[in-house]
Amino acid sequence: MIDQSLLQQAAALIKGSDFTIAFTGAGISVESGVPPFRGEHGIWSKYDPRTLELGYFYEYPYESWLVIRELFYNFFGNAKANPAHHALSAMEKKGFLKSIITQNIDNLHQQAGSSEVYEFHGNSQKLICLQCNNHFIPADIDFDNLPPRCSCGGLIKPDFIFFGENIPMEAYHRSVEAAGRADVVIVIGSTGEVMPAAQMPYLAKQNGATIIEVNPGTSKFTPVITDIHLQDKAGDTMESLYETLTGEKLIIIPT
């Protein structure tokens, strides 16, 4: 049950804010059928993380692509944005939200209509040739013929961050700038464990931001920087927060 008093406090803070941002982790997408990577039922309890190490990918591209295809294109590719994603998109359109920093690679924020999204770990719906840097979308790829290759002969890789790979500099710098300017941060579905992404709410807090956490449980953030903890599912909470904030029902247009 969502605490209505805390919901009202959170809405009031956002209304009075000059620069509100969101920081999202795997928990926001669980209700879309996307499992988290970590935890008892996480991806790494079923798959070997080594298959997404950059060195392993170069050495064993076929074996790596078998896992990539199953996880990110056969399964994740069917995921749909849920009310939490749609609420953030609607908040952006209403002028209540400046940007989203996300740890997720599932493209669901963009699917819901958000435009200012800083993808800390890249995006599974974009692919790149490692030889000529040509870009692709999943519809361009023949997933029956692995590993996929570009017309130049180069190996194609999903454009998200593998273990051993650097964070995209543009996303990093935009995230740091947004965190530095924020006076309110809505943290949704993040455990606070994955660095350096999880540094962003701390950076915002150091600059005086108020932290609103949406999480049915607790995270590394909760006892340290969280000011308001809305302790329920992301979809229900964000839909209620939007409606409290605007006085309007959240309209979800099927994608």
Protein backbone atom coordinates (compact mmCIF):
# COMPACT_ATOMS: atom_id res chain seq x y z
CA MET A 1 0.00 0.00 0.00
CA ILE A 2 1.40 3.37 -1.04
CA ASP A 3 1.74 5.86 1.82
CA GLN A 4 -0.48 8.75 0.71
CA SER A 5 1.21 11.25 3.00
CA LEU A 6 4.63 10.48 1.53
CA LEU A 7 3.12 10.58 -1.96
CA GLN A 8 1.81 14.09 -1.31
CA GLN A 9 5.20 15.17 0.05
CA ALA A 10 6.97 13.80 -3.02
CA ALA A 11 4.53 15.54 -5.38
CA ALA A 12 4.98 18.84 -3.54
CA LEU A 13 8.76 18.58 -3.82
CA ILE A 14 8.57 17.92 -7.56
CA LYS A 15 6.13 20.80 -8.07
CA GLY A 16 8.52 23.14 -6.30
CA SER A 17 11.59 21.83 -8.09
CA ASP A 18 13.47 23.66 -10.83
CA PHE A 19 15.34 20.58 -12.03
CA THR A 20 14.01 17.09 -11.33
CA ILE A 21 15.65 14.03 -12.85
CA ALA A 22 15.06 10.29 -12.58
CA PHE A 23 17.63 7.58 -12.02
CA THR A 24 16.40 4.11 -12.99
CA GLY A 25 17.68 0.59 -12.47
CA ALA A 26 16.54 -2.92 -13.29
CA GLY A 27 13.61 -2.78 -10.86
CA ILE A 28 11.63 -0.42 -13.07
CA SER A 29 11.58 -3.00 -15.87
CA VAL A 30 10.80 -6.11 -13.81
CA GLU A 31 7.07 -5.42 -14.27
CA SER A 32 7.70 -5.49 -18.03
CA GLY A 33 9.01 -9.03 -17.74
CA VAL A 34 12.70 -8.08 -17.83
CA PRO A 35 14.52 -9.90 -15.01
CA PRO A 36 17.34 -8.17 -13.11
CA PHE A 37 20.88 -9.34 -13.69
CA ARG A 38 21.63 -9.86 -10.00
CA GLY A 39 19.82 -11.57 -7.15
CA GLU A 40 18.21 -14.94 -6.55
CA HIS A 41 16.20 -14.92 -9.78
CA GLY A 42 18.60 -12.73 -11.75
CA ILE A 43 20.10 -13.52 -15.11
CA TRP A 44 23.49 -14.41 -13.66
CA SER A 45 21.90 -17.19 -11.59
CA LYS A 46 21.09 -18.94 -14.89
CA TYR A 47 23.81 -17.78 -17.28
CA ASP A 48 27.57 -17.47 -17.04
CA PRO A 49 28.49 -13.75 -16.82
CA ARG A 50 31.66 -14.58 -18.74
CA THR A 51 29.61 -14.75 -21.96
CA LEU A 52 29.29 -10.95 -21.78
CA GLU A 53 32.96 -10.26 -21.12
CA LEU A 54 34.52 -8.35 -24.00
CA GLY A 55 37.54 -10.66 -24.25
CA TYR A 56 35.33 -13.75 -24.31
CA PHE A 57 33.13 -12.18 -27.00
CA TYR A 58 36.14 -11.60 -29.26
CA GLU A 59 37.51 -15.10 -28.69
CA TYR A 60 34.22 -17.02 -28.77
CA PRO A 61 31.73 -14.85 -30.67
CA TYR A 62 29.42 -17.74 -31.59
CA GLU A 63 29.06 -18.96 -27.99
CA SER A 64 28.58 -15.42 -26.74
CA TRP A 65 25.99 -14.65 -29.40
CA LEU A 66 23.93 -17.73 -28.50
CA VAL A 67 23.31 -16.20 -25.07
CA ILE A 68 22.91 -12.66 -26.43
CA ARG A 69 20.29 -13.80 -28.95
CA GLU A 70 18.28 -15.71 -26.35
CA LEU A 71 18.36 -13.00 -23.69
CA PHE A 72 18.16 -9.72 -25.55
CA TYR A 73 16.37 -10.52 -28.81
CA ASN A 74 14.25 -13.66 -28.36
CA PHE A 75 13.12 -12.69 -24.86
CA PHE A 76 13.76 -9.04 -23.95
CA GLY A 77 12.83 -7.89 -27.42
CA ASN A 78 9.17 -8.57 -26.65
CA ALA A 79 9.10 -6.46 -23.47
CA LYS A 80 6.71 -3.51 -23.33
CA ALA A 81 6.99 -0.30 -21.34
CA ASN A 82 4.96 -0.39 -18.13
CA PRO A 83 3.13 2.42 -16.24
CA ALA A 84 6.34 3.55 -14.51
CA HIS A 85 8.02 4.20 -17.87
CA HIS A 86 4.89 5.93 -19.17
CA ALA A 87 4.58 8.07 -16.04
CA LEU A 88 8.15 9.37 -16.48
CA SER A 89 7.49 10.12 -20.15
CA ALA A 90 4.29 11.99 -19.25
CA MET A 91 6.13 13.93 -16.52
CA GLU A 92 8.74 15.00 -19.06
CA LYS A 93 6.06 16.18 -21.47
CA LYS A 94 4.39 18.17 -18.66
CA GLY A 95 7.69 19.83 -17.78
CA PHE A 96 8.10 18.15 -14.40
CA LEU A 97 11.09 16.00 -15.41
CA LYS A 98 14.24 17.17 -17.18
CA SER A 99 15.97 13.88 -17.95
CA ILE A 100 16.41 10.21 -17.08
CA ILE A 101 19.71 8.56 -16.22
CA THR A 102 19.26 4.82 -16.68
CA GLN A 103 21.35 1.76 -15.98
CA ASN A 104 19.02 -0.26 -18.21
CA ILE A 105 19.70 -1.32 -21.79
CA ASP A 106 16.14 -2.36 -22.68
CA ASN A 107 15.05 0.80 -24.58
CA LEU A 108 11.74 0.90 -22.63
CA HIS A 109 12.06 4.56 -21.66
CA GLN A 110 12.25 5.52 -25.34
CA GLN A 111 9.45 3.09 -26.16
CA ALA A 112 7.26 4.96 -23.66
CA GLY A 113 8.12 8.27 -25.32
CA SER A 114 10.85 9.76 -23.13
CA SER A 115 13.28 11.84 -25.20
CA GLU A 116 16.03 12.91 -22.78
CA VAL A 117 17.48 9.55 -21.72
CA TYR A 118 21.13 9.06 -20.76
CA GLU A 119 21.96 5.38 -21.16
CA PHE A 120 24.83 4.60 -18.83
CA HIS A 121 25.25 1.09 -20.18
CA GLY A 122 24.14 1.48 -23.79
CA ASN A 123 21.12 0.06 -25.61
CA SER A 124 20.39 -3.49 -26.74
CA GLN A 125 18.21 -2.20 -29.60
CA LYS A 126 21.26 -0.74 -31.31
CA LEU A 127 24.13 -2.77 -32.78
CA ILE A 128 27.49 -1.81 -34.21
CA CYS A 129 30.11 -3.30 -36.52
CA LEU A 130 33.39 -3.54 -34.66
CA GLN A 131 35.35 -3.07 -37.88
CA CYS A 132 33.70 -0.20 -39.78
CA ASN A 133 31.41 1.24 -37.04
CA ASN A 134 28.32 0.79 -39.20
CA HIS A 135 25.15 0.86 -37.07
CA PHE A 136 22.19 -1.54 -37.16
CA ILE A 137 18.85 -2.20 -35.51
CA PRO A 138 17.68 -5.73 -34.62
CA ALA A 139 15.45 -5.91 -37.73
CA ASP A 140 18.63 -5.66 -39.84
CA ILE A 141 20.18 -8.76 -38.28
CA ASP A 142 19.79 -12.39 -39.34
CA PHE A 143 19.77 -14.04 -35.91
CA ASP A 144 19.67 -17.50 -37.53
CA ASN A 145 23.20 -16.94 -38.81
CA LEU A 146 25.55 -16.45 -35.86
CA PRO A 147 27.70 -14.58 -35.19
CA PRO A 148 26.21 -11.80 -37.34
CA ARG A 149 28.63 -9.98 -39.58
CA CYS A 150 28.60 -6.70 -41.45
CA SER A 151 28.92 -6.51 -45.24
CA CYS A 152 32.54 -5.46 -44.61
CA GLY A 153 33.12 -8.79 -42.84
CA GLY A 154 33.37 -7.24 -39.39
CA LEU A 155 31.82 -8.79 -36.30
CA ILE A 156 28.58 -7.14 -35.14
CA LYS A 157 28.14 -6.46 -31.43
CA PRO A 158 25.17 -5.11 -29.46
CA ASP A 159 25.85 -1.49 -28.56
CA PHE A 160 25.68 -2.00 -24.81
CA ILE A 161 28.48 -2.23 -22.32
CA PHE A 162 30.15 -5.61 -21.85
CA PHE A 163 32.30 -6.43 -18.84
CA GLY A 164 35.71 -4.91 -19.49
CA GLU A 165 34.31 -2.09 -21.61
CA ASN A 166 34.26 1.63 -20.81
CA ILE A 167 31.13 3.66 -20.04
CA PRO A 168 30.07 5.79 -23.07
CA MET A 169 31.61 9.21 -22.45
CA GLU A 170 28.69 11.26 -23.76
CA ALA A 171 26.20 9.46 -21.48
CA TYR A 172 28.59 9.77 -18.55
CA HIS A 173 29.17 13.51 -18.97
CA ARG A 174 25.47 14.26 -19.50
CA SER A 175 24.61 12.21 -16.41
CA VAL A 176 27.17 14.03 -14.28
CA GLU A 177 25.89 17.39 -15.50
CA ALA A 178 22.26 16.45 -14.78
CA ALA A 179 23.10 15.08 -11.33
CA GLY A 180 25.02 18.26 -10.55
CA ARG A 181 22.04 20.47 -11.49
CA ALA A 182 19.26 18.40 -9.92
CA ASP A 183 17.38 19.59 -6.87
CA VAL A 184 15.17 16.46 -6.83
CA VAL A 185 16.13 12.94 -7.94
CA ILE A 186 13.56 10.15 -8.29
CA VAL A 187 15.46 6.88 -7.87
CA ILE A 188 13.44 3.96 -9.22
CA GLY A 189 14.30 0.29 -8.97
CA SER A 190 18.04 0.55 -8.38
CA THR A 191 19.92 -1.46 -5.78
CA GLY A 192 22.66 1.16 -5.70
CA GLU A 193 25.31 -1.53 -6.18
CA VAL A 194 26.47 -1.02 -9.77
CA MET A 195 29.26 1.53 -10.08
CA PRO A 196 30.00 4.03 -11.45
CA ALA A 197 26.31 4.55 -12.37
CA ALA A 198 25.20 4.47 -8.73
CA GLN A 199 27.44 7.44 -7.99
CA MET A 200 24.97 9.76 -9.71
CA PRO A 201 22.37 10.00 -6.89
CA TYR A 202 25.21 10.50 -4.39
CA LEU A 203 26.61 13.29 -6.54
CA ALA A 204 23.19 14.94 -6.65
CA LYS A 205 22.81 14.59 -2.88
CA GLN A 206 26.21 16.21 -2.33
CA ASN A 207 24.94 19.16 -4.37
CA GLY A 208 21.87 19.53 -2.19
CA ALA A 209 19.28 17.43 -4.02
CA THR A 210 16.37 15.70 -2.30
CA ILE A 211 16.20 11.98 -3.04
CA ILE A 212 12.82 10.29 -3.59
CA GLU A 213 13.26 6.52 -3.76
CA VAL A 214 10.67 4.22 -5.37
CA ASN A 215 11.49 0.68 -4.33
CA PRO A 216 9.44 -2.09 -2.66
CA GLY A 217 12.51 -3.00 -0.63
CA THR A 218 15.62 -1.21 0.53
CA SER A 219 18.76 -0.38 -1.43
CA LYS A 220 22.25 0.87 -0.72
CA PHE A 221 20.78 4.36 -1.09
CA THR A 222 17.97 3.94 1.45
CA PRO A 223 19.83 4.38 4.76
CA VAL A 224 22.35 6.88 3.41
CA ILE A 225 20.78 9.46 1.07
CA THR A 226 17.04 8.68 0.65
CA ASP A 227 14.73 11.41 2.00
CA ILE A 228 11.36 9.96 0.97
CA HIS A 229 10.93 6.21 0.44
CA LEU A 230 7.83 5.25 -1.56
CA GLN A 231 7.89 1.57 -0.74
CA ASP A 232 5.80 -0.16 -3.38
CA LYS A 233 5.98 -1.43 -6.96
CA ALA A 234 7.33 1.01 -9.51
CA GLY A 235 4.31 0.93 -11.84
CA ASP A 236 1.66 1.56 -9.19
CA THR A 237 3.76 4.14 -7.38
CA MET A 238 4.73 6.19 -10.42
CA GLU A 239 1.20 6.14 -11.80
CA SER A 240 -0.10 7.39 -8.43
CA LEU A 241 2.66 9.98 -8.19
CA TYR A 242 1.84 11.32 -11.66
CA GLU A 243 -1.85 11.57 -10.83
CA THR A 244 -1.13 13.26 -7.49
CA LEU A 245 1.24 15.65 -9.22
CA THR A 246 -1.05 16.62 -12.11
CA GLY A 247 -4.58 15.81 -10.95
CA GLU A 248 -4.99 13.82 -14.18
CA LYS A 249 -5.23 10.12 -14.96
CA LEU A 250 -2.17 8.65 -16.62
CA ILE A 251 -3.02 7.85 -20.24
CA ILE A 252 -1.07 4.89 -21.58
CA ILE A 253 -1.04 4.59 -25.35
CA PRO A 254 -0.16 0.99 -26.38
CA THR A 255 3.19 0.77 -28.20
